[in-house]
Amino acid sequence: MKKLIGLANLGTAGAAAILAMSLNAAPAAAQEATLYKNPQCGCCESYADYLRENGFTVEVKPTHDLVQISRDAGIPDDFQGCHTTFLEDYVVSGHVPVNVVNKLLDERPDIVGLTLPGMPLGSPGMGGAKQEPFKIYTVEEGVNPTVYAVE
């Protein structure tokens, strides 16, 4: 309540600026993430760096078993990204933008996680120009993936 009263004393512009900054900020405390990737994949390293730049602590684990790790996490084969990240109780597959990852952690939906299939150009960690909006799908046990966010 004190924070709301303090915001009211800032005036509309000041309160809006603080609210906007808080909605776009990285997590307050560094979130720990474990990212599994194929040993030779450079874009996965770039995605790990992207997460680090946005407040996450990332441990990268090269593996030749990425497809099986993704399957075991519940990600259907045709929805798998090029790396699989575990954070808190969720799995995030592929180059999912950090604002969508933060939305997942804030909303805490009853799902297994999220996936951005493939390696879309222009997505975080990938080079090139964005070709089309990114469709980020839910991963749910026993349920076909549905669109969670479009970026």
C-alpha atoms as a PDB file:
ATOM      1  CA  MET A   1       0.000   0.000   0.000  1.00  0.00           C
ATOM      2  CA  LYS A   2       2.892   2.350   0.830  1.00  0.00           C
ATOM      3  CA  LYS A   3       4.301   1.871  -2.691  1.00  0.00           C
ATOM      4  CA  LEU A   4       0.973   2.790  -4.266  1.00  0.00           C
ATOM      5  CA  ILE A   5       0.668   5.924  -2.148  1.00  0.00           C
ATOM      6  CA  GLY A   6       4.253   6.845  -3.040  1.00  0.00           C
ATOM      7  CA  LEU A   7       3.469   6.411  -6.744  1.00  0.00           C
ATOM      8  CA  ALA A   8       0.459   8.691  -6.417  1.00  0.00           C
ATOM      9  CA  ASN A   9       2.712  11.426  -5.010  1.00  0.00           C
ATOM     10  CA  LEU A  10       4.976  11.189  -8.088  1.00  0.00           C
ATOM     11  CA  GLY A  11       2.269  12.330 -10.444  1.00  0.00           C
ATOM     12  CA  THR A  12       0.953  10.475 -13.463  1.00  0.00           C
ATOM     13  CA  ALA A  13       4.115  10.690 -15.600  1.00  0.00           C
ATOM     14  CA  GLY A  14       6.442   9.597 -12.788  1.00  0.00           C
ATOM     15  CA  ALA A  15       4.214   6.723 -11.734  1.00  0.00           C
ATOM     16  CA  ALA A  16       3.836   5.568 -15.341  1.00  0.00           C
ATOM     17  CA  ALA A  17       7.610   5.627 -15.850  1.00  0.00           C
ATOM     18  CA  ILE A  18       8.271   3.561 -12.721  1.00  0.00           C
ATOM     19  CA  LEU A  19       5.515   1.104 -13.609  1.00  0.00           C
ATOM     20  CA  ALA A  20       6.888   0.714 -17.148  1.00  0.00           C
ATOM     21  CA  MET A  21      10.409   0.092 -15.841  1.00  0.00           C
ATOM     22  CA  SER A  22       9.203  -2.519 -13.358  1.00  0.00           C
ATOM     23  CA  LEU A  23       7.192  -4.381 -16.010  1.00  0.00           C
ATOM     24  CA  ASN A  24      10.192  -4.599 -18.356  1.00  0.00           C
ATOM     25  CA  ALA A  25      12.857  -5.266 -15.755  1.00  0.00           C
ATOM     26  CA  ALA A  26      14.845  -8.452 -15.439  1.00  0.00           C
ATOM     27  CA  PRO A  27      14.010 -10.642 -12.438  1.00  0.00           C
ATOM     28  CA  ALA A  28      14.853  -8.950  -9.122  1.00  0.00           C
ATOM     29  CA  ALA A  29      17.040 -11.853  -8.008  1.00  0.00           C
ATOM     30  CA  ALA A  30      19.050 -13.757 -10.573  1.00  0.00           C
ATOM     31  CA  GLN A  31      17.074 -16.778 -11.734  1.00  0.00           C
ATOM     32  CA  GLU A  32      19.116 -19.942 -12.114  1.00  0.00           C
ATOM     33  CA  ALA A  33      18.796 -21.778 -15.409  1.00  0.00           C
ATOM     34  CA  THR A  34      20.375 -24.917 -16.852  1.00  0.00           C
ATOM     35  CA  LEU A  35      20.626 -24.951 -20.640  1.00  0.00           C
ATOM     36  CA  TYR A  36      21.249 -28.219 -22.526  1.00  0.00           C
ATOM     37  CA  LYS A  37      22.609 -27.876 -26.066  1.00  0.00           C
ATOM     38  CA  ASN A  38      24.431 -29.760 -28.779  1.00  0.00           C
ATOM     39  CA  PRO A  39      28.181 -29.363 -28.170  1.00  0.00           C
ATOM     40  CA  GLN A  40      28.895 -27.563 -31.462  1.00  0.00           C
ATOM     41  CA  CYS A  41      25.961 -25.103 -31.397  1.00  0.00           C
ATOM     42  CA  GLY A  42      27.044 -21.456 -31.176  1.00  0.00           C
ATOM     43  CA  CYS A  43      23.588 -19.880 -31.251  1.00  0.00           C
ATOM     44  CA  CYS A  44      22.740 -21.739 -28.040  1.00  0.00           C
ATOM     45  CA  GLU A  45      25.758 -20.099 -26.375  1.00  0.00           C
ATOM     46  CA  SER A  46      24.485 -16.754 -27.667  1.00  0.00           C
ATOM     47  CA  TYR A  47      21.063 -17.456 -26.136  1.00  0.00           C
ATOM     48  CA  ALA A  48      22.728 -18.297 -22.800  1.00  0.00           C
ATOM     49  CA  ASP A  49      24.565 -14.945 -22.992  1.00  0.00           C
ATOM     50  CA  TYR A  50      21.250 -13.225 -23.796  1.00  0.00           C
ATOM     51  CA  LEU A  51      19.684 -14.735 -20.671  1.00  0.00           C
ATOM     52  CA  ARG A  52      22.709 -13.660 -18.597  1.00  0.00           C
ATOM     53  CA  GLU A  53      22.390 -10.105 -19.945  1.00  0.00           C
ATOM     54  CA  ASN A  54      18.799 -10.180 -18.709  1.00  0.00           C
ATOM     55  CA  GLY A  55      19.510 -11.205 -15.124  1.00  0.00           C
ATOM     56  CA  PHE A  56      19.679 -14.997 -15.280  1.00  0.00           C
ATOM     57  CA  THR A  57      22.494 -17.201 -14.018  1.00  0.00           C
ATOM     58  CA  VAL A  58      22.972 -19.850 -16.699  1.00  0.00           C
ATOM     59  CA  GLU A  59      24.842 -23.136 -16.569  1.00  0.00           C
ATOM     60  CA  VAL A  60      25.417 -24.570 -20.063  1.00  0.00           C
ATOM     61  CA  LYS A  61      25.597 -28.356 -20.414  1.00  0.00           C
ATOM     62  CA  PRO A  62      26.690 -29.698 -23.810  1.00  0.00           C
ATOM     63  CA  THR A  63      25.068 -33.041 -24.651  1.00  0.00           C
ATOM     64  CA  HIS A  64      24.526 -35.429 -27.534  1.00  0.00           C
ATOM     65  CA  ASP A  65      21.160 -36.425 -25.993  1.00  0.00           C
ATOM     66  CA  LEU A  66      19.248 -33.178 -26.556  1.00  0.00           C
ATOM     67  CA  VAL A  67      16.338 -34.768 -28.426  1.00  0.00           C
ATOM     68  CA  GLN A  68      15.808 -37.280 -25.616  1.00  0.00           C
ATOM     69  CA  ILE A  69      16.139 -34.589 -22.921  1.00  0.00           C
ATOM     70  CA  SER A  70      13.483 -32.553 -24.740  1.00  0.00           C
ATOM     71  CA  ARG A  71      11.200 -35.580 -25.125  1.00  0.00           C
ATOM     72  CA  ASP A  72      11.612 -36.459 -21.449  1.00  0.00           C
ATOM     73  CA  ALA A  73      10.616 -32.862 -20.619  1.00  0.00           C
ATOM     74  CA  GLY A  74       7.386 -33.355 -22.587  1.00  0.00           C
ATOM     75  CA  ILE A  75       8.236 -31.354 -25.710  1.00  0.00           C
ATOM     76  CA  PRO A  76       6.802 -33.016 -28.850  1.00  0.00           C
ATOM     77  CA  ASP A  77       9.423 -33.709 -31.530  1.00  0.00           C
ATOM     78  CA  ASP A  78       7.962 -31.262 -34.045  1.00  0.00           C
ATOM     79  CA  PHE A  79       7.870 -28.464 -31.426  1.00  0.00           C
ATOM     80  CA  GLN A  80      11.446 -28.772 -30.153  1.00  0.00           C
ATOM     81  CA  GLY A  81      13.834 -25.821 -30.218  1.00  0.00           C
ATOM     82  CA  CYS A  82      17.574 -26.089 -30.674  1.00  0.00           C
ATOM     83  CA  HIS A  83      18.292 -26.129 -26.920  1.00  0.00           C
ATOM     84  CA  THR A  84      16.352 -26.947 -23.761  1.00  0.00           C
ATOM     85  CA  THR A  85      16.495 -24.791 -20.641  1.00  0.00           C
ATOM     86  CA  PHE A  86      15.212 -25.687 -17.204  1.00  0.00           C
ATOM     87  CA  LEU A  87      14.382 -22.898 -14.768  1.00  0.00           C
ATOM     88  CA  GLU A  88      12.421 -23.229 -11.591  1.00  0.00           C
ATOM     89  CA  ASP A  89       9.651 -25.757 -12.332  1.00  0.00           C
ATOM     90  CA  TYR A  90       9.517 -24.988 -16.065  1.00  0.00           C
ATOM     91  CA  VAL A  91      11.185 -26.021 -19.300  1.00  0.00           C
ATOM     92  CA  VAL A  92      11.864 -23.463 -22.036  1.00  0.00           C
ATOM     93  CA  SER A  93      12.806 -24.853 -25.420  1.00  0.00           C
ATOM     94  CA  GLY A  94      14.438 -22.725 -28.096  1.00  0.00           C
ATOM     95  CA  HIS A  95      15.087 -19.010 -28.507  1.00  0.00           C
ATOM     96  CA  VAL A  96      12.140 -17.705 -26.449  1.00  0.00           C
ATOM     97  CA  PRO A  97      12.346 -13.919 -25.854  1.00  0.00           C
ATOM     98  CA  VAL A  98      13.104 -12.999 -22.242  1.00  0.00           C
ATOM     99  CA  ASN A  99       9.914 -10.971 -21.805  1.00  0.00           C
ATOM    100  CA  VAL A 100       7.926 -14.161 -22.519  1.00  0.00           C
ATOM    101  CA  VAL A 101      10.128 -16.139 -20.092  1.00  0.00           C
ATOM    102  CA  ASN A 102       9.506 -13.477 -17.438  1.00  0.00           C
ATOM    103  CA  LYS A 103       5.774 -13.566 -18.195  1.00  0.00           C
ATOM    104  CA  LEU A 104       5.847 -17.333 -17.608  1.00  0.00           C
ATOM    105  CA  LEU A 105       7.638 -16.886 -14.279  1.00  0.00           C
ATOM    106  CA  ASP A 106       5.293 -14.072 -13.212  1.00  0.00           C
ATOM    107  CA  GLU A 107       2.025 -15.733 -14.233  1.00  0.00           C
ATOM    108  CA  ARG A 108       3.061 -19.256 -13.176  1.00  0.00           C
ATOM    109  CA  PRO A 109       0.514 -21.081 -15.358  1.00  0.00           C
ATOM    110  CA  ASP A 110      -0.150 -24.759 -14.739  1.00  0.00           C
ATOM    111  CA  ILE A 111       1.917 -25.938 -17.721  1.00  0.00           C
ATOM    112  CA  VAL A 112       5.200 -27.785 -18.189  1.00  0.00           C
ATOM    113  CA  GLY A 113       6.796 -24.892 -20.074  1.00  0.00           C
ATOM    114  CA  LEU A 114       7.180 -23.059 -23.367  1.00  0.00           C
ATOM    115  CA  THR A 115       8.743 -23.684 -26.745  1.00  0.00           C
ATOM    116  CA  LEU A 116       9.734 -21.667 -29.783  1.00  0.00           C
ATOM    117  CA  PRO A 117      10.281 -24.456 -32.330  1.00  0.00           C
ATOM    118  CA  GLY A 118      13.256 -24.536 -34.650  1.00  0.00           C
ATOM    119  CA  MET A 119      15.804 -21.763 -35.008  1.00  0.00           C
ATOM    120  CA  PRO A 120      13.897 -18.672 -36.241  1.00  0.00           C
ATOM    121  CA  LEU A 121      16.056 -15.949 -37.751  1.00  0.00           C
ATOM    122  CA  GLY A 122      16.136 -12.779 -35.676  1.00  0.00           C
ATOM    123  CA  SER A 123      15.173 -14.534 -32.432  1.00  0.00           C
ATOM    124  CA  PRO A 124      17.329 -13.946 -29.318  1.00  0.00           C
ATOM    125  CA  GLY A 125      20.700 -15.593 -29.874  1.00  0.00           C
ATOM    126  CA  MET A 126      20.140 -16.074 -33.605  1.00  0.00           C
ATOM    127  CA  GLY A 127      21.500 -13.839 -36.318  1.00  0.00           C
ATOM    128  CA  GLY A 128      19.615 -12.416 -39.234  1.00  0.00           C
ATOM    129  CA  ALA A 129      16.469 -10.395 -39.583  1.00  0.00           C
ATOM    130  CA  LYS A 130      13.156 -11.504 -38.158  1.00  0.00           C
ATOM    131  CA  GLN A 131      11.101 -13.077 -40.958  1.00  0.00           C
ATOM    132  CA  GLU A 132       7.709 -13.316 -39.214  1.00  0.00           C
ATOM    133  CA  PRO A 133       6.206 -13.072 -35.723  1.00  0.00           C
ATOM    134  CA  PHE A 134       7.491 -15.716 -33.323  1.00  0.00           C
ATOM    135  CA  LYS A 135       4.822 -18.117 -32.064  1.00  0.00           C
ATOM    136  CA  ILE A 136       5.688 -19.392 -28.606  1.00  0.00           C
ATOM    137  CA  TYR A 137       3.728 -22.493 -27.635  1.00  0.00           C
ATOM    138  CA  THR A 138       2.782 -24.075 -24.334  1.00  0.00           C
ATOM    139  CA  VAL A 139       4.119 -27.462 -23.342  1.00  0.00           C
ATOM    140  CA  GLU A 140       1.487 -29.349 -21.373  1.00  0.00           C
ATOM    141  CA  GLU A 141       1.311 -32.965 -20.336  1.00  0.00           C
ATOM    142  CA  GLY A 142      -1.100 -34.879 -22.565  1.00  0.00           C
ATOM    143  CA  VAL A 143      -2.266 -31.728 -24.389  1.00  0.00           C
ATOM    144  CA  ASN A 144      -1.317 -30.508 -27.858  1.00  0.00           C
ATOM    145  CA  PRO A 145       0.749 -27.276 -27.763  1.00  0.00           C
ATOM    146  CA  THR A 146      -1.255 -24.056 -28.029  1.00  0.00           C
ATOM    147  CA  VAL A 147      -0.022 -20.508 -28.671  1.00  0.00           C
ATOM    148  CA  TYR A 148       1.031 -18.785 -25.446  1.00  0.00           C
ATOM    149  CA  ALA A 149       2.472 -15.603 -26.971  1.00  0.00           C
ATOM    150  CA  VAL A 150       3.220 -14.048 -30.350  1.00  0.00           C
ATOM    151  CA  GLU A 151       6.238 -11.742 -30.555  1.00  0.00           C
END
